[in-house]
Amino acid sequence: MSNVFFISDLHLGHKNICKFRPFDSVEEHDEHIKDNLLSSLTKRSKLFILGDVAFTDESGDWIVELAKHTPNMTIVLGNHDSDRSCGRRNMLKYMQAGIKLHGLTTYKDAWLSHCPIHPDEMRKKIMNIHGHTHSNNVKAIGYSKLDDARYFNVSCENIDYKPIRYDQIMERMS
């Protein structure tokens, strides 16, 4: 069993997130995701968060606390992670806590990004693990209903708000 986990689009502290997700309050939303992270991860886990992490200073502080529980953490920055002063403050906190920050990185044969990358940029990698599109998956060219097998969307909505292991991604892709 793999100890490498992926998740994206936590949107912790996002006051309008309940308009888009099935929760009654942002507190309920955040607690659900936090509980799922804490119950899935250990000190030996490697966690990749693929963007749109925390929308408040307090939720950024919680990510720093999570890094004490799961010290091998990498955040691939999303479009909402640096577009507010709070996001920039959180990025500084993450770096000070030893969390690795990237705009784009790789793991094994996969590109890791917040937004899906263009198919021409796959190069020698076989897939792109990404977020950003929430419950919408990248479709195969020329098909409106067939998902493109080279893309795996780890937005919370697609993985039941729980981090997913790398081996589970590989099983689903085969």
C-alpha atoms as a PDB file:
ATOM      1  CA  MET A   1       0.000   0.000   0.000  1.00  0.00           C
ATOM      2  CA  SER A   2       1.262   3.448  -0.932  1.00  0.00           C
ATOM      3  CA  ASN A   3       1.853   6.144   1.661  1.00  0.00           C
ATOM      4  CA  VAL A   4       1.730   8.886  -0.971  1.00  0.00           C
ATOM      5  CA  PHE A   5      -1.492  10.902  -0.980  1.00  0.00           C
ATOM      6  CA  PHE A   6      -3.041  13.592  -3.186  1.00  0.00           C
ATOM      7  CA  ILE A   7      -5.847  16.095  -2.712  1.00  0.00           C
ATOM      8  CA  SER A   8      -6.755  19.464  -4.213  1.00  0.00           C
ATOM      9  CA  ASP A   9      -9.120  22.360  -3.769  1.00  0.00           C
ATOM     10  CA  LEU A  10      -9.543  22.188   0.004  1.00  0.00           C
ATOM     11  CA  HIS A  11     -10.914  25.740   0.040  1.00  0.00           C
ATOM     12  CA  LEU A  12     -10.555  25.837   3.844  1.00  0.00           C
ATOM     13  CA  GLY A  13     -12.167  28.953   5.277  1.00  0.00           C
ATOM     14  CA  HIS A  14     -13.840  29.861   1.980  1.00  0.00           C
ATOM     15  CA  LYS A  15     -17.012  31.575   3.170  1.00  0.00           C
ATOM     16  CA  ASN A  16     -18.969  30.895  -0.038  1.00  0.00           C
ATOM     17  CA  ILE A  17     -17.922  27.254  -0.550  1.00  0.00           C
ATOM     18  CA  CYS A  18     -21.259  25.867   0.685  1.00  0.00           C
ATOM     19  CA  LYS A  19     -22.929  27.310  -2.422  1.00  0.00           C
ATOM     20  CA  PHE A  20     -20.971  24.702  -4.380  1.00  0.00           C
ATOM     21  CA  ARG A  21     -20.547  21.821  -1.919  1.00  0.00           C
ATOM     22  CA  PRO A  22     -23.069  19.855   0.154  1.00  0.00           C
ATOM     23  CA  PHE A  23     -22.338  21.380   3.566  1.00  0.00           C
ATOM     24  CA  ASP A  24     -24.490  23.602   5.764  1.00  0.00           C
ATOM     25  CA  SER A  25     -21.637  25.806   6.964  1.00  0.00           C
ATOM     26  CA  VAL A  26     -18.007  26.540   6.233  1.00  0.00           C
ATOM     27  CA  GLU A  27     -17.201  25.167   9.700  1.00  0.00           C
ATOM     28  CA  GLU A  28     -18.853  21.831   8.855  1.00  0.00           C
ATOM     29  CA  HIS A  29     -17.052  21.775   5.486  1.00  0.00           C
ATOM     30  CA  ASP A  30     -13.659  22.485   7.022  1.00  0.00           C
ATOM     31  CA  GLU A  31     -14.072  20.006   9.881  1.00  0.00           C
ATOM     32  CA  HIS A  32     -15.061  17.258   7.437  1.00  0.00           C
ATOM     33  CA  ILE A  33     -11.955  17.786   5.299  1.00  0.00           C
ATOM     34  CA  LYS A  34      -9.661  18.185   8.325  1.00  0.00           C
ATOM     35  CA  ASP A  35     -10.994  14.976   9.907  1.00  0.00           C
ATOM     36  CA  ASN A  36     -10.477  13.104   6.635  1.00  0.00           C
ATOM     37  CA  LEU A  37      -6.897  14.352   6.349  1.00  0.00           C
ATOM     38  CA  LEU A  38      -6.011  13.526   9.944  1.00  0.00           C
ATOM     39  CA  SER A  39      -7.568  10.059   9.793  1.00  0.00           C
ATOM     40  CA  SER A  40      -5.809   9.183   6.506  1.00  0.00           C
ATOM     41  CA  LEU A  41      -2.296  10.492   7.116  1.00  0.00           C
ATOM     42  CA  THR A  42       0.576   9.573   9.429  1.00  0.00           C
ATOM     43  CA  LYS A  43       4.064  10.939  10.040  1.00  0.00           C
ATOM     44  CA  ARG A  44       5.298   8.566   7.314  1.00  0.00           C
ATOM     45  CA  SER A  45       2.831   9.786   4.709  1.00  0.00           C
ATOM     46  CA  LYS A  46       3.816  12.016   1.822  1.00  0.00           C
ATOM     47  CA  LEU A  47       1.063  14.505   0.995  1.00  0.00           C
ATOM     48  CA  PHE A  48       0.692  16.548  -2.179  1.00  0.00           C
ATOM     49  CA  ILE A  49      -1.938  19.298  -1.972  1.00  0.00           C
ATOM     50  CA  LEU A  50      -2.540  20.507  -5.522  1.00  0.00           C
ATOM     51  CA  GLY A  51      -3.696  24.039  -4.886  1.00  0.00           C
ATOM     52  CA  ASP A  52      -6.473  26.254  -3.551  1.00  0.00           C
ATOM     53  CA  VAL A  53      -5.668  25.373   0.036  1.00  0.00           C
ATOM     54  CA  ALA A  54      -6.640  28.021   2.592  1.00  0.00           C
ATOM     55  CA  PHE A  55      -8.713  31.190   2.316  1.00  0.00           C
ATOM     56  CA  THR A  56      -8.085  32.589   5.813  1.00  0.00           C
ATOM     57  CA  ASP A  57      -5.090  33.076   8.094  1.00  0.00           C
ATOM     58  CA  GLU A  58      -6.599  30.590  10.565  1.00  0.00           C
ATOM     59  CA  SER A  59      -6.995  27.864   7.962  1.00  0.00           C
ATOM     60  CA  GLY A  60      -3.401  28.517   6.847  1.00  0.00           C
ATOM     61  CA  ASP A  61      -2.331  28.038  10.473  1.00  0.00           C
ATOM     62  CA  TRP A  62      -4.150  24.698  10.471  1.00  0.00           C
ATOM     63  CA  ILE A  63      -2.150  23.574   7.404  1.00  0.00           C
ATOM     64  CA  VAL A  64       1.029  24.407   9.325  1.00  0.00           C
ATOM     65  CA  GLU A  65      -0.269  22.255  12.216  1.00  0.00           C
ATOM     66  CA  LEU A  66      -1.020  19.453   9.734  1.00  0.00           C
ATOM     67  CA  ALA A  67       2.608  19.645   8.609  1.00  0.00           C
ATOM     68  CA  LYS A  68       3.639  18.687  12.153  1.00  0.00           C
ATOM     69  CA  HIS A  69       1.439  15.580  11.848  1.00  0.00           C
ATOM     70  CA  THR A  70       2.551  14.867   8.257  1.00  0.00           C
ATOM     71  CA  PRO A  71       5.935  16.563   7.792  1.00  0.00           C
ATOM     72  CA  ASN A  72       6.519  15.389   4.200  1.00  0.00           C
ATOM     73  CA  MET A  73       4.123  17.814   2.545  1.00  0.00           C
ATOM     74  CA  THR A  74       4.242  19.578  -0.805  1.00  0.00           C
ATOM     75  CA  ILE A  75       1.818  22.238  -1.988  1.00  0.00           C
ATOM     76  CA  VAL A  76       1.467  22.976  -5.682  1.00  0.00           C
ATOM     77  CA  LEU A  77       0.100  26.501  -5.701  1.00  0.00           C
ATOM     78  CA  GLY A  78      -3.342  27.119  -7.142  1.00  0.00           C
ATOM     79  CA  ASN A  79      -4.990  30.183  -8.596  1.00  0.00           C
ATOM     80  CA  HIS A  80      -6.460  31.179  -5.201  1.00  0.00           C
ATOM     81  CA  ASP A  81      -3.293  30.635  -3.161  1.00  0.00           C
ATOM     82  CA  SER A  82      -1.580  33.920  -3.942  1.00  0.00           C
ATOM     83  CA  ASP A  83      -4.365  36.204  -5.150  1.00  0.00           C
ATOM     84  CA  ARG A  84      -5.088  37.712  -1.734  1.00  0.00           C
ATOM     85  CA  SER A  85      -2.864  39.145   0.999  1.00  0.00           C
ATOM     86  CA  CYS A  86      -3.978  36.250   3.214  1.00  0.00           C
ATOM     87  CA  GLY A  87      -2.745  33.798   0.576  1.00  0.00           C
ATOM     88  CA  ARG A  88       0.669  35.450   0.463  1.00  0.00           C
ATOM     89  CA  ARG A  89       0.893  35.387   4.273  1.00  0.00           C
ATOM     90  CA  ASN A  90      -0.033  31.699   4.255  1.00  0.00           C
ATOM     91  CA  MET A  91       2.647  30.926   1.646  1.00  0.00           C
ATOM     92  CA  LEU A  92       5.244  32.508   3.928  1.00  0.00           C
ATOM     93  CA  LYS A  93       3.963  30.429   6.873  1.00  0.00           C
ATOM     94  CA  TYR A  94       4.150  27.263   4.779  1.00  0.00           C
ATOM     95  CA  MET A  95       7.736  27.933   3.754  1.00  0.00           C
ATOM     96  CA  GLN A  96       8.736  28.693   7.364  1.00  0.00           C
ATOM     97  CA  ALA A  97       7.142  25.378   8.416  1.00  0.00           C
ATOM     98  CA  GLY A  98       9.226  23.467   5.844  1.00  0.00           C
ATOM     99  CA  ILE A  99       6.362  22.753   3.457  1.00  0.00           C
ATOM    100  CA  LYS A 100       7.649  22.571  -0.098  1.00  0.00           C
ATOM    101  CA  LEU A 101       5.917  24.957  -2.540  1.00  0.00           C
ATOM    102  CA  HIS A 102       5.848  24.520  -6.318  1.00  0.00           C
ATOM    103  CA  GLY A 103       4.018  25.901  -9.319  1.00  0.00           C
ATOM    104  CA  LEU A 104       4.416  22.592 -11.169  1.00  0.00           C
ATOM    105  CA  THR A 105       6.284  19.448 -10.153  1.00  0.00           C
ATOM    106  CA  THR A 106       6.449  15.717 -10.835  1.00  0.00           C
ATOM    107  CA  TYR A 107       6.002  12.450  -8.991  1.00  0.00           C
ATOM    108  CA  LYS A 108       7.126   9.268 -10.730  1.00  0.00           C
ATOM    109  CA  ASP A 109       5.572   9.324 -14.224  1.00  0.00           C
ATOM    110  CA  ALA A 110       3.102  12.123 -13.470  1.00  0.00           C
ATOM    111  CA  TRP A 111       2.992  15.875 -13.746  1.00  0.00           C
ATOM    112  CA  LEU A 112       1.458  17.425 -10.621  1.00  0.00           C
ATOM    113  CA  SER A 113      -0.320  20.703 -11.211  1.00  0.00           C
ATOM    114  CA  HIS A 114      -3.257  22.691  -9.988  1.00  0.00           C
ATOM    115  CA  CYS A 115      -4.765  23.289 -13.437  1.00  0.00           C
ATOM    116  CA  PRO A 116      -4.644  20.477 -16.011  1.00  0.00           C
ATOM    117  CA  ILE A 117      -1.685  20.909 -18.325  1.00  0.00           C
ATOM    118  CA  HIS A 118      -1.952  20.984 -22.115  1.00  0.00           C
ATOM    119  CA  PRO A 119      -1.657  17.492 -23.678  1.00  0.00           C
ATOM    120  CA  ASP A 120       1.298  18.638 -25.801  1.00  0.00           C
ATOM    121  CA  GLU A 121       3.222  19.320 -22.588  1.00  0.00           C
ATOM    122  CA  MET A 122       3.024  15.738 -21.258  1.00  0.00           C
ATOM    123  CA  ARG A 123       6.434  14.997 -22.814  1.00  0.00           C
ATOM    124  CA  LYS A 124       7.792  11.818 -21.189  1.00  0.00           C
ATOM    125  CA  LYS A 125       5.186  11.666 -18.424  1.00  0.00           C
ATOM    126  CA  ILE A 126       2.187   9.349 -18.774  1.00  0.00           C
ATOM    127  CA  MET A 127      -0.339  11.398 -16.806  1.00  0.00           C
ATOM    128  CA  ASN A 128      -1.267  14.640 -15.111  1.00  0.00           C
ATOM    129  CA  ILE A 129      -2.619  14.555 -11.564  1.00  0.00           C
ATOM    130  CA  HIS A 130      -4.395  17.879 -11.044  1.00  0.00           C
ATOM    131  CA  GLY A 131      -7.214  19.770  -9.387  1.00  0.00           C
ATOM    132  CA  HIS A 132      -8.882  23.083 -10.252  1.00  0.00           C
ATOM    133  CA  THR A 133     -11.782  21.675 -12.284  1.00  0.00           C
ATOM    134  CA  HIS A 134     -13.647  20.457  -9.182  1.00  0.00           C
ATOM    135  CA  SER A 135     -16.253  17.913 -10.379  1.00  0.00           C
ATOM    136  CA  ASN A 136     -15.439  18.369 -14.082  1.00  0.00           C
ATOM    137  CA  ASN A 137     -12.906  16.010 -15.633  1.00  0.00           C
ATOM    138  CA  VAL A 138     -10.780  16.561 -18.727  1.00  0.00           C
ATOM    139  CA  LYS A 139     -12.535  14.976 -21.693  1.00  0.00           C
ATOM    140  CA  ALA A 140     -10.862  13.016 -24.469  1.00  0.00           C
ATOM    141  CA  ILE A 141     -10.454  15.083 -27.616  1.00  0.00           C
ATOM    142  CA  GLY A 142     -13.521  14.693 -29.810  1.00  0.00           C
ATOM    143  CA  TYR A 143     -15.666  13.131 -27.040  1.00  0.00           C
ATOM    144  CA  SER A 144     -18.107  14.913 -24.761  1.00  0.00           C
ATOM    145  CA  LYS A 145     -18.599  12.046 -22.291  1.00  0.00           C
ATOM    146  CA  LEU A 146     -15.309  10.113 -22.341  1.00  0.00           C
ATOM    147  CA  ASP A 147     -12.719  11.193 -19.773  1.00  0.00           C
ATOM    148  CA  ASP A 148      -9.154  11.537 -21.031  1.00  0.00           C
ATOM    149  CA  ALA A 149      -7.263   8.688 -19.338  1.00  0.00           C
ATOM    150  CA  ARG A 150      -4.093  10.772 -19.061  1.00  0.00           C
ATOM    151  CA  TYR A 151      -5.682  13.106 -16.480  1.00  0.00           C
ATOM    152  CA  PHE A 152      -6.667  12.363 -12.898  1.00  0.00           C
ATOM    153  CA  ASN A 153      -8.602  15.036 -11.014  1.00  0.00           C
ATOM    154  CA  VAL A 154      -8.010  15.040  -7.238  1.00  0.00           C
ATOM    155  CA  SER A 155     -10.324  17.959  -6.446  1.00  0.00           C
ATOM    156  CA  CYS A 156     -12.177  17.231  -3.200  1.00  0.00           C
ATOM    157  CA  GLU A 157     -15.472  16.692  -5.032  1.00  0.00           C
ATOM    158  CA  ASN A 158     -13.957  13.877  -7.114  1.00  0.00           C
ATOM    159  CA  ILE A 159     -12.391  11.944  -4.247  1.00  0.00           C
ATOM    160  CA  ASP A 160     -15.100  12.193  -1.578  1.00  0.00           C
ATOM    161  CA  TYR A 161     -13.228  14.964   0.289  1.00  0.00           C
ATOM    162  CA  LYS A 162     -10.509  12.478   1.370  1.00  0.00           C
ATOM    163  CA  PRO A 163      -6.896  12.296   0.231  1.00  0.00           C
ATOM    164  CA  ILE A 164      -6.358   9.513  -2.301  1.00  0.00           C
ATOM    165  CA  ARG A 165      -3.343   7.211  -2.384  1.00  0.00           C
ATOM    166  CA  TYR A 166      -1.102   7.035  -5.438  1.00  0.00           C
ATOM    167  CA  ASP A 167      -1.731   3.298  -5.833  1.00  0.00           C
ATOM    168  CA  GLN A 168      -5.487   3.954  -5.901  1.00  0.00           C
ATOM    169  CA  ILE A 169      -4.972   6.499  -8.672  1.00  0.00           C
ATOM    170  CA  MET A 170      -2.940   3.966 -10.638  1.00  0.00           C
ATOM    171  CA  GLU A 171      -5.649   1.300 -10.162  1.00  0.00           C
ATOM    172  CA  ARG A 172      -8.350   3.661 -11.456  1.00  0.00           C
ATOM    173  CA  MET A 173      -6.235   4.670 -14.428  1.00  0.00           C
ATOM    174  CA  SER A 174      -5.575   1.107 -15.608  1.00  0.00           C
END
